Amino acid sequence: MFDIHIGDDGQVKLSGRLDASQAEHAQKALRDLSGPVTADCTELDYVSSAGITVILELHKRVTGSGHELRLVGMNPRVRTVFVYTGLDKVLKIV
């Protein structure tokens, strides 16, 4: 199961499994974010290639408007996915 909570201040909390079955839901929820965004990934258990696409689209939109996307609190298993794909060099992972 995947859940997403979006605060008024650009804070996003991702939890559960962000995979192909949840990618469209996540895209719709994140669609209107354009300012600086901090995504709390503390409770994100799994991310698939479809989930990575959602995050990359958010990154492109946010940075395209001159702001920053920060991913914070990734557990080692999820972080490894970003390291293996080289996205730790592109995305700001704290």
PDB file of N, CA and C in Angstrom:
ATOM      1  N   MET A   1       0.836  -1.179   0.000  1.00  0.00           N
ATOM      2  CA  MET A   1       0.000   0.000   0.000  1.00  0.00           C
ATOM      3  C   MET A   1       0.887   1.250   0.000  1.00  0.00           C
ATOM      4  N   PHE A   2       0.442   2.269  -0.676  1.00  0.00           N
ATOM      5  CA  PHE A   2       1.174   3.529  -0.788  1.00  0.00           C
ATOM      6  C   PHE A   2       0.298   4.652  -0.264  1.00  0.00           C
ATOM      7  N   ASP A   3       0.921   5.598   0.418  1.00  0.00           N
ATOM      8  CA  ASP A   3       0.198   6.762   0.906  1.00  0.00           C
ATOM      9  C   ASP A   3       1.072   7.999   0.710  1.00  0.00           C
ATOM     10  N   ILE A   4       0.421   9.110   0.467  1.00  0.00           N
ATOM     11  CA  ILE A   4       1.136  10.367   0.268  1.00  0.00           C
ATOM     12  C   ILE A   4       0.372  11.478   0.986  1.00  0.00           C
ATOM     13  N   HIS A   5       1.095  12.269   1.759  1.00  0.00           N
ATOM     14  CA  HIS A   5       0.513  13.422   2.446  1.00  0.00           C
ATOM     15  C   HIS A   5       1.288  14.656   2.003  1.00  0.00           C
ATOM     16  N   ILE A   6       0.551  15.678   1.580  1.00  0.00           N
ATOM     17  CA  ILE A   6       1.178  16.904   1.112  1.00  0.00           C
ATOM     18  C   ILE A   6       0.784  18.041   2.034  1.00  0.00           C
ATOM     19  N   GLY A   7       1.788  18.671   2.626  1.00  0.00           N
ATOM     20  CA  GLY A   7       1.554  19.806   3.500  1.00  0.00           C
ATOM     21  C   GLY A   7       1.518  21.101   2.711  1.00  0.00           C
ATOM     22  N   ASP A   8       1.062  22.151   3.361  1.00  0.00           N
ATOM     23  CA  ASP A   8       0.958  23.457   2.707  1.00  0.00           C
ATOM     24  C   ASP A   8       2.312  24.097   2.443  1.00  0.00           C
ATOM     25  N   ASP A   9       3.346  23.632   3.116  1.00  0.00           N
ATOM     26  CA  ASP A   9       4.655  24.266   3.053  1.00  0.00           C
ATOM     27  C   ASP A   9       5.651  23.552   2.137  1.00  0.00           C
ATOM     28  N   GLY A  10       5.163  22.715   1.231  1.00  0.00           N
ATOM     29  CA  GLY A  10       6.056  21.992   0.333  1.00  0.00           C
ATOM     30  C   GLY A  10       6.612  20.721   0.935  1.00  0.00           C
ATOM     31  N   GLN A  11       6.077  20.330   2.072  1.00  0.00           N
ATOM     32  CA  GLN A  11       6.497  19.080   2.711  1.00  0.00           C
ATOM     33  C   GLN A  11       5.615  17.943   2.180  1.00  0.00           C
ATOM     34  N   VAL A  12       6.268  16.876   1.755  1.00  0.00           N
ATOM     35  CA  VAL A  12       5.568  15.709   1.232  1.00  0.00           C
ATOM     36  C   VAL A  12       6.046  14.498   2.017  1.00  0.00           C
ATOM     37  N   LYS A  13       5.112  13.665   2.465  1.00  0.00           N
ATOM     38  CA  LYS A  13       5.484  12.443   3.168  1.00  0.00           C
ATOM     39  C   LYS A  13       5.032  11.259   2.321  1.00  0.00           C
ATOM     40  N   LEU A  14       6.006  10.439   1.931  1.00  0.00           N
ATOM     41  CA  LEU A  14       5.740   9.248   1.137  1.00  0.00           C
ATOM     42  C   LEU A  14       5.864   8.028   2.038  1.00  0.00           C
ATOM     43  N   SER A  15       4.916   7.107   1.940  1.00  0.00           N
ATOM     44  CA  SER A  15       5.013   5.893   2.743  1.00  0.00           C
ATOM     45  C   SER A  15       4.469   4.701   1.965  1.00  0.00           C
ATOM     46  N   GLY A  16       5.034   3.538   2.269  1.00  0.00           N
ATOM     47  CA  GLY A  16       4.597   2.309   1.617  1.00  0.00           C
ATOM     48  C   GLY A  16       5.418   1.996   0.383  1.00  0.00           C
ATOM     49  N   ARG A  17       4.732   1.481  -0.636  1.00  0.00           N
ATOM     50  CA  ARG A  17       5.378   1.022  -1.865  1.00  0.00           C
ATOM     51  C   ARG A  17       4.973   1.916  -3.035  1.00  0.00           C
ATOM     52  N   LEU A  18       5.947   2.627  -3.584  1.00  0.00           N
ATOM     53  CA  LEU A  18       5.703   3.463  -4.761  1.00  0.00           C
ATOM     54  C   LEU A  18       6.109   2.648  -5.984  1.00  0.00           C
ATOM     55  N   ASP A  19       5.110   1.988  -6.570  1.00  0.00           N
ATOM     56  CA  ASP A  19       5.367   1.118  -7.716  1.00  0.00           C
ATOM     57  C   ASP A  19       4.400   1.465  -8.849  1.00  0.00           C
ATOM     58  N   ALA A  20       4.382   0.639  -9.876  1.00  0.00           N
ATOM     59  CA  ALA A  20       3.574   0.937 -11.060  1.00  0.00           C
ATOM     60  C   ALA A  20       2.091   1.068 -10.737  1.00  0.00           C
ATOM     61  N   SER A  21       1.608   0.311  -9.772  1.00  0.00           N
ATOM     62  CA  SER A  21       0.184   0.381  -9.440  1.00  0.00           C
ATOM     63  C   SER A  21      -0.182   1.689  -8.748  1.00  0.00           C
ATOM     64  N   GLN A  22       0.799   2.394  -8.200  1.00  0.00           N
ATOM     65  CA  GLN A  22       0.541   3.636  -7.475  1.00  0.00           C
ATOM     66  C   GLN A  22       1.103   4.880  -8.174  1.00  0.00           C
ATOM     67  N   ALA A  23       1.801   4.693  -9.270  1.00  0.00           N
ATOM     68  CA  ALA A  23       2.473   5.808  -9.946  1.00  0.00           C
ATOM     69  C   ALA A  23       1.491   6.877 -10.416  1.00  0.00           C
ATOM     70  N   GLU A  24       0.388   6.492 -11.000  1.00  0.00           N
ATOM     71  CA  GLU A  24      -0.573   7.478 -11.495  1.00  0.00           C
ATOM     72  C   GLU A  24      -1.175   8.275 -10.332  1.00  0.00           C
ATOM     73  N   HIS A  25      -1.498   7.602  -9.254  1.00  0.00           N
ATOM     74  CA  HIS A  25      -2.018   8.275  -8.051  1.00  0.00           C
ATOM     75  C   HIS A  25      -1.003   9.295  -7.542  1.00  0.00           C
ATOM     76  N   ALA A  26       0.267   8.900  -7.466  1.00  0.00           N
ATOM     77  CA  ALA A  26       1.317   9.791  -6.984  1.00  0.00           C
ATOM     78  C   ALA A  26       1.500  10.978  -7.929  1.00  0.00           C
ATOM     79  N   GLN A  27       1.489  10.731  -9.234  1.00  0.00           N
ATOM     80  CA  GLN A  27       1.633  11.821 -10.203  1.00  0.00           C
ATOM     81  C   GLN A  27       0.523  12.853 -10.041  1.00  0.00           C
ATOM     82  N   LYS A  28      -0.704  12.390  -9.878  1.00  0.00           N
ATOM     83  CA  LYS A  28      -1.827  13.304  -9.709  1.00  0.00           C
ATOM     84  C   LYS A  28      -1.688  14.112  -8.426  1.00  0.00           C
ATOM     85  N   ALA A  29      -1.267  13.457  -7.357  1.00  0.00           N
ATOM     86  CA  ALA A  29      -1.127  14.143  -6.070  1.00  0.00           C
ATOM     87  C   ALA A  29      -0.023  15.195  -6.109  1.00  0.00           C
ATOM     88  N   LEU A  30       1.034  14.921  -6.855  1.00  0.00           N
ATOM     89  CA  LEU A  30       2.199  15.814  -6.900  1.00  0.00           C
ATOM     90  C   LEU A  30       2.139  16.837  -8.029  1.00  0.00           C
ATOM     91  N   ARG A  31       1.159  16.730  -8.872  1.00  0.00           N
ATOM     92  CA  ARG A  31       1.056  17.526 -10.095  1.00  0.00           C
ATOM     93  C   ARG A  31       1.146  19.035  -9.871  1.00  0.00           C
ATOM     94  N   ASP A  32       0.560  19.542  -8.811  1.00  0.00           N
ATOM     95  CA  ASP A  32       0.490  20.993  -8.619  1.00  0.00           C
ATOM     96  C   ASP A  32       1.654  21.568  -7.831  1.00  0.00           C
ATOM     97  N   LEU A  33       2.593  20.735  -7.398  1.00  0.00           N
ATOM     98  CA  LEU A  33       3.747  21.246  -6.654  1.00  0.00           C
ATOM     99  C   LEU A  33       4.753  21.866  -7.612  1.00  0.00           C
ATOM    100  N   SER A  34       5.180  23.084  -7.298  1.00  0.00           N
ATOM    101  CA  SER A  34       6.156  23.736  -8.167  1.00  0.00           C
ATOM    102  C   SER A  34       7.229  24.474  -7.379  1.00  0.00           C
ATOM    103  N   GLY A  35       6.960  24.781  -6.130  1.00  0.00           N
ATOM    104  CA  GLY A  35       7.942  25.482  -5.307  1.00  0.00           C
ATOM    105  C   GLY A  35       8.939  24.504  -4.727  1.00  0.00           C
ATOM    106  N   PRO A  36       9.743  24.946  -3.766  1.00  0.00           N
ATOM    107  CA  PRO A  36      10.680  24.013  -3.136  1.00  0.00           C
ATOM    108  C   PRO A  36       9.910  22.886  -2.456  1.00  0.00           C
ATOM    109  N   VAL A  37      10.397  21.665  -2.616  1.00  0.00           N
ATOM    110  CA  VAL A  37       9.723  20.489  -2.071  1.00  0.00           C
ATOM    111  C   VAL A  37      10.724  19.661  -1.278  1.00  0.00           C
ATOM    112  N   THR A  38      10.309  19.261  -0.082  1.00  0.00           N
ATOM    113  CA  THR A  38      11.067  18.304   0.712  1.00  0.00           C
ATOM    114  C   THR A  38      10.203  17.065   0.859  1.00  0.00           C
ATOM    115  N   ALA A  39      10.691  15.949   0.341  1.00  0.00           N
ATOM    116  CA  ALA A  39       9.955  14.695   0.405  1.00  0.00           C
ATOM    117  C   ALA A  39      10.548  13.819   1.500  1.00  0.00           C
ATOM    118  N   ASP A  40       9.757  13.564   2.532  1.00  0.00           N
ATOM    119  CA  ASP A  40      10.151  12.699   3.635  1.00  0.00           C
ATOM    120  C   ASP A  40       9.919  11.255   3.206  1.00  0.00           C
ATOM    121  N   CYS A  41      11.005  10.522   3.047  1.00  0.00           N
ATOM    122  CA  CYS A  41      10.937   9.139   2.567  1.00  0.00           C
ATOM    123  C   CYS A  41      11.172   8.135   3.690  1.00  0.00           C
ATOM    124  N   THR A  42      11.055   8.581   4.936  1.00  0.00           N
ATOM    125  CA  THR A  42      11.323   7.732   6.092  1.00  0.00           C
ATOM    126  C   THR A  42      10.496   6.455   6.055  1.00  0.00           C
ATOM    127  N   GLU A  43       9.236   6.558   5.643  1.00  0.00           N
ATOM    128  CA  GLU A  43       8.343   5.406   5.638  1.00  0.00           C
ATOM    129  C   GLU A  43       8.140   4.810   4.245  1.00  0.00           C
ATOM    130  N   LEU A  44       8.957   5.218   3.291  1.00  0.00           N
ATOM    131  CA  LEU A  44       8.896   4.642   1.947  1.00  0.00           C
ATOM    132  C   LEU A  44       9.652   3.323   1.964  1.00  0.00           C
ATOM    133  N   ASP A  45       8.934   2.223   1.749  1.00  0.00           N
ATOM    134  CA  ASP A  45       9.522   0.885   1.855  1.00  0.00           C
ATOM    135  C   ASP A  45      10.120   0.378   0.552  1.00  0.00           C
ATOM    136  N   TYR A  46       9.596   0.856  -0.567  1.00  0.00           N
ATOM    137  CA  TYR A  46       9.980   0.302  -1.862  1.00  0.00           C
ATOM    138  C   TYR A  46       9.709   1.334  -2.938  1.00  0.00           C
ATOM    139  N   VAL A  47      10.579   1.392  -3.930  1.00  0.00           N
ATOM    140  CA  VAL A  47      10.342   2.234  -5.099  1.00  0.00           C
ATOM    141  C   VAL A  47      10.751   1.448  -6.341  1.00  0.00           C
ATOM    142  N   SER A  48       9.855   1.405  -7.321  1.00  0.00           N
ATOM    143  CA  SER A  48      10.130   0.712  -8.582  1.00  0.00           C
ATOM    144  C   SER A  48      10.568   1.733  -9.626  1.00  0.00           C
ATOM    145  N   SER A  49      10.815   1.264 -10.830  1.00  0.00           N
ATOM    146  CA  SER A  49      11.195   2.174 -11.912  1.00  0.00           C
ATOM    147  C   SER A  49      10.066   3.168 -12.194  1.00  0.00           C
ATOM    148  N   ALA A  50       8.823   2.734 -12.043  1.00  0.00           N
ATOM    149  CA  ALA A  50       7.692   3.646 -12.241  1.00  0.00           C
ATOM    150  C   ALA A  50       7.684   4.719 -11.153  1.00  0.00           C
ATOM    151  N   GLY A  51       8.024   4.340  -9.940  1.00  0.00           N
ATOM    152  CA  GLY A  51       8.111   5.301  -8.844  1.00  0.00           C
ATOM    153  C   GLY A  51       9.240   6.291  -9.051  1.00  0.00           C
ATOM    154  N   ILE A  52      10.352   5.797  -9.560  1.00  0.00           N
ATOM    155  CA  ILE A  52      11.479   6.679  -9.861  1.00  0.00           C
ATOM    156  C   ILE A  52      11.077   7.697 -10.924  1.00  0.00           C
ATOM    157  N   THR A  53      10.312   7.265 -11.898  1.00  0.00           N
ATOM    158  CA  THR A  53       9.830   8.176 -12.933  1.00  0.00           C
ATOM    159  C   THR A  53       8.989   9.292 -12.327  1.00  0.00           C
ATOM    160  N   VAL A  54       8.137   8.952 -11.377  1.00  0.00           N
ATOM    161  CA  VAL A  54       7.319   9.965 -10.690  1.00  0.00           C
ATOM    162  C   VAL A  54       8.221  10.988 -10.010  1.00  0.00           C
ATOM    163  N   ILE A  55       9.243  10.512  -9.314  1.00  0.00           N
ATOM    164  CA  ILE A  55      10.152  11.407  -8.594  1.00  0.00           C
ATOM    165  C   ILE A  55      10.949  12.258  -9.571  1.00  0.00           C
ATOM    166  N   LEU A  56      11.390  11.671 -10.685  1.00  0.00           N
ATOM    167  CA  LEU A  56      12.141  12.436 -11.680  1.00  0.00           C
ATOM    168  C   LEU A  56      11.279  13.512 -12.337  1.00  0.00           C
ATOM    169  N   GLU A  57      10.007  13.210 -12.591  1.00  0.00           N
ATOM    170  CA  GLU A  57       9.105  14.213 -13.160  1.00  0.00           C
ATOM    171  C   GLU A  57       8.903  15.368 -12.182  1.00  0.00           C
ATOM    172  N   LEU A  58       8.768  15.044 -10.892  1.00  0.00           N
ATOM    173  CA  LEU A  58       8.644  16.087  -9.882  1.00  0.00           C
ATOM    174  C   LEU A  58       9.922  16.926  -9.831  1.00  0.00           C
ATOM    175  N   HIS A  59      11.058  16.268  -9.860  1.00  0.00           N
ATOM    176  CA  HIS A  59      12.355  16.960  -9.850  1.00  0.00           C
ATOM    177  C   HIS A  59      12.461  17.922 -11.038  1.00  0.00           C
ATOM    178  N   LYS A  60      12.102  17.452 -12.204  1.00  0.00           N
ATOM    179  CA  LYS A  60      12.186  18.276 -13.412  1.00  0.00           C
ATOM    180  C   LYS A  60      11.281  19.504 -13.301  1.00  0.00           C
ATOM    181  N   ARG A  61      10.071  19.316 -12.821  1.00  0.00           N
ATOM    182  CA  ARG A  61       9.126  20.420 -12.698  1.00  0.00           C
ATOM    183  C   ARG A  61       9.599  21.433 -11.651  1.00  0.00           C
ATOM    184  N   VAL A  62      10.042  20.933 -10.496  1.00  0.00           N
ATOM    185  CA  VAL A  62      10.458  21.818  -9.403  1.00  0.00           C
ATOM    186  C   VAL A  62      11.723  22.593  -9.779  1.00  0.00           C
ATOM    187  N   THR A  63      12.723  21.902 -10.311  1.00  0.00           N
ATOM    188  CA  THR A  63      13.960  22.587 -10.678  1.00  0.00           C
ATOM    189  C   THR A  63      13.749  23.499 -11.888  1.00  0.00           C
ATOM    190  N   GLY A  64      12.822  23.128 -12.749  1.00  0.00           N
ATOM    191  CA  GLY A  64      12.503  23.969 -13.906  1.00  0.00           C
ATOM    192  C   GLY A  64      11.909  25.306 -13.509  1.00  0.00           C
ATOM    193  N   SER A  65      11.304  25.344 -12.319  1.00  0.00           N
ATOM    194  CA  SER A  65      10.749  26.604 -11.831  1.00  0.00           C
ATOM    195  C   SER A  65      11.729  27.312 -10.882  1.00  0.00           C
ATOM    196  N   GLY A  66      12.991  26.826 -10.872  1.00  0.00           N
ATOM    197  CA  GLY A  66      14.029  27.492 -10.097  1.00  0.00           C
ATOM    198  C   GLY A  66      14.097  27.099  -8.632  1.00  0.00           C
ATOM    199  N   HIS A  67      13.481  25.989  -8.264  1.00  0.00           N
ATOM    200  CA  HIS A  67      13.459  25.552  -6.872  1.00  0.00           C
ATOM    201  C   HIS A  67      14.212  24.237  -6.721  1.00  0.00           C
ATOM    202  N   GLU A  68      14.134  23.674  -5.536  1.00  0.00           N
ATOM    203  CA  GLU A  68      14.888  22.460  -5.240  1.00  0.00           C
ATOM    204  C   GLU A  68      13.963  21.371  -4.694  1.00  0.00           C
ATOM    205  N   LEU A  69      14.244  20.138  -5.091  1.00  0.00           N
ATOM    206  CA  LEU A  69      13.598  18.960  -4.526  1.00  0.00           C
ATOM    207  C   LEU A  69      14.618  18.266  -3.636  1.00  0.00           C
ATOM    208  N   ARG A  70      14.257  18.053  -2.381  1.00  0.00           N
ATOM    209  CA  ARG A  70      15.115  17.333  -1.441  1.00  0.00           C
ATOM    210  C   ARG A  70      14.407  16.061  -1.023  1.00  0.00           C
ATOM    211  N   LEU A  71      15.121  14.947  -1.057  1.00  0.00           N
ATOM    212  CA  LEU A  71      14.604  13.673  -0.580  1.00  0.00           C
ATOM    213  C   LEU A  71      15.313  13.365   0.732  1.00  0.00           C
ATOM    214  N   VAL A  72      14.562  13.236   1.802  1.00  0.00           N
ATOM    215  CA  VAL A  72      15.169  13.049   3.116  1.00  0.00           C
ATOM    216  C   VAL A  72      14.679  11.748   3.755  1.00  0.00           C
ATOM    217  N   GLY A  73      15.536  11.182   4.608  1.00  0.00           N
ATOM    218  CA  GLY A  73      15.164  10.047   5.428  1.00  0.00           C
ATOM    219  C   GLY A  73      15.011   8.719   4.713  1.00  0.00           C
ATOM    220  N   MET A  74      15.673   8.534   3.589  1.00  0.00           N
ATOM    221  CA  MET A  74      15.561   7.261   2.864  1.00  0.00           C
ATOM    222  C   MET A  74      16.186   6.126   3.656  1.00  0.00           C
ATOM    223  N   ASN A  75      15.477   4.998   3.701  1.00  0.00           N
ATOM    224  CA  ASN A  75      16.085   3.834   4.325  1.00  0.00           C
ATOM    225  C   ASN A  75      17.135   3.269   3.368  1.00  0.00           C
ATOM    226  N   PRO A  76      18.068   2.480   3.867  1.00  0.00           N
ATOM    227  CA  PRO A  76      19.165   1.994   3.026  1.00  0.00           C
ATOM    228  C   PRO A  76      18.708   1.230   1.780  1.00  0.00           C
ATOM    229  N   ARG A  77      17.648   0.449   1.881  1.00  0.00           N
ATOM    230  CA  ARG A  77      17.182  -0.341   0.734  1.00  0.00           C
ATOM    231  C   ARG A  77      16.696   0.564  -0.396  1.00  0.00           C
ATOM    232  N   VAL A  78      15.933   1.603  -0.061  1.00  0.00           N
ATOM    233  CA  VAL A  78      15.428   2.525  -1.083  1.00  0.00           C
ATOM    234  C   VAL A  78      16.574   3.373  -1.630  1.00  0.00           C
ATOM    235  N   ARG A  79      17.439   3.824  -0.754  1.00  0.00           N
ATOM    236  CA  ARG A  79      18.582   4.641  -1.188  1.00  0.00           C
ATOM    237  C   ARG A  79      19.460   3.873  -2.180  1.00  0.00           C
ATOM    238  N   THR A  80      19.625   2.587  -1.954  1.00  0.00           N
ATOM    239  CA  THR A  80      20.438   1.753  -2.838  1.00  0.00           C
ATOM    240  C   THR A  80      19.917   1.781  -4.276  1.00  0.00           C
ATOM    241  N   VAL A  81      18.612   1.817  -4.435  1.00  0.00           N
ATOM    242  CA  VAL A  81      18.019   1.890  -5.781  1.00  0.00           C
ATOM    243  C   VAL A  81      18.498   3.159  -6.483  1.00  0.00           C
ATOM    244  N   PHE A  82      18.506   4.269  -5.764  1.00  0.00           N
ATOM    245  CA  PHE A  82      18.937   5.540  -6.349  1.00  0.00           C
ATOM    246  C   PHE A  82      20.444   5.552  -6.618  1.00  0.00           C
ATOM    247  N   VAL A  83      21.203   4.886  -5.774  1.00  0.00           N
ATOM    248  CA  VAL A  83      22.656   4.803  -5.982  1.00  0.00           C
ATOM    249  C   VAL A  83      22.960   3.937  -7.199  1.00  0.00           C
ATOM    250  N   TYR A  84      22.326   2.765  -7.305  1.00  0.00           N
ATOM    251  CA  TYR A  84      22.584   1.863  -8.436  1.00  0.00           C
ATOM    252  C   TYR A  84      22.212   2.491  -9.783  1.00  0.00           C
ATOM    253  N   THR A  85      21.189   3.343  -9.776  1.00  0.00           N
ATOM    254  CA  THR A  85      20.774   3.988 -11.020  1.00  0.00           C
ATOM    255  C   THR A  85      21.565   5.260 -11.298  1.00  0.00           C
ATOM    256  N   GLY A  86      22.382   5.688 -10.350  1.00  0.00           N
ATOM    257  CA  GLY A  86      23.164   6.910 -10.511  1.00  0.00           C
ATOM    258  C   GLY A  86      22.376   8.171 -10.199  1.00  0.00           C
ATOM    259  N   LEU A  87      21.166   8.026  -9.742  1.00  0.00           N
ATOM    260  CA  LEU A  87      20.341   9.192  -9.481  1.00  0.00           C
ATOM    261  C   LEU A  87      20.732   9.924  -8.205  1.00  0.00           C
ATOM    262  N   ASP A  88      21.566   9.303  -7.394  1.00  0.00           N
ATOM    263  CA  ASP A  88      22.087  10.018  -6.218  1.00  0.00           C
ATOM    264  C   ASP A  88      22.985  11.170  -6.647  1.00  0.00           C
ATOM    265  N   LYS A  89      23.467  11.134  -7.872  1.00  0.00           N
ATOM    266  CA  LYS A  89      24.301  12.210  -8.416  1.00  0.00           C
ATOM    267  C   LYS A  89      23.448  13.346  -8.995  1.00  0.00           C
ATOM    268  N   VAL A  90      22.176  13.046  -9.297  1.00  0.00           N
ATOM    269  CA  VAL A  90      21.290  14.018  -9.924  1.00  0.00           C
ATOM    270  C   VAL A  90      20.346  14.645  -8.907  1.00  0.00           C
ATOM    271  N   LEU A  91      19.845  13.823  -8.011  1.00  0.00           N
ATOM    272  CA  LEU A  91      18.872  14.280  -7.017  1.00  0.00           C
ATOM    273  C   LEU A  91      19.553  14.642  -5.717  1.00  0.00           C
ATOM    274  N   LYS A  92      18.969  15.544  -4.979  1.00  0.00           N
ATOM    275  CA  LYS A  92      19.518  15.925  -3.666  1.00  0.00           C
ATOM    276  C   LYS A  92      18.917  14.982  -2.623  1.00  0.00           C
ATOM    277  N   ILE A  93      19.729  14.016  -2.207  1.00  0.00           N
ATOM    278  CA  ILE A  93      19.303  13.031  -1.199  1.00  0.00           C
ATOM    279  C   ILE A  93      20.045  13.346   0.093  1.00  0.00           C
ATOM    280  N   VAL A  94      19.267  13.649   1.132  1.00  0.00           N
ATOM    281  CA  VAL A  94      19.843  14.042   2.412  1.00  0.00           C
ATOM    282  C   VAL A  94      19.625  12.921   3.417  1.00  0.00           C
TER     283      VAL A  94
END
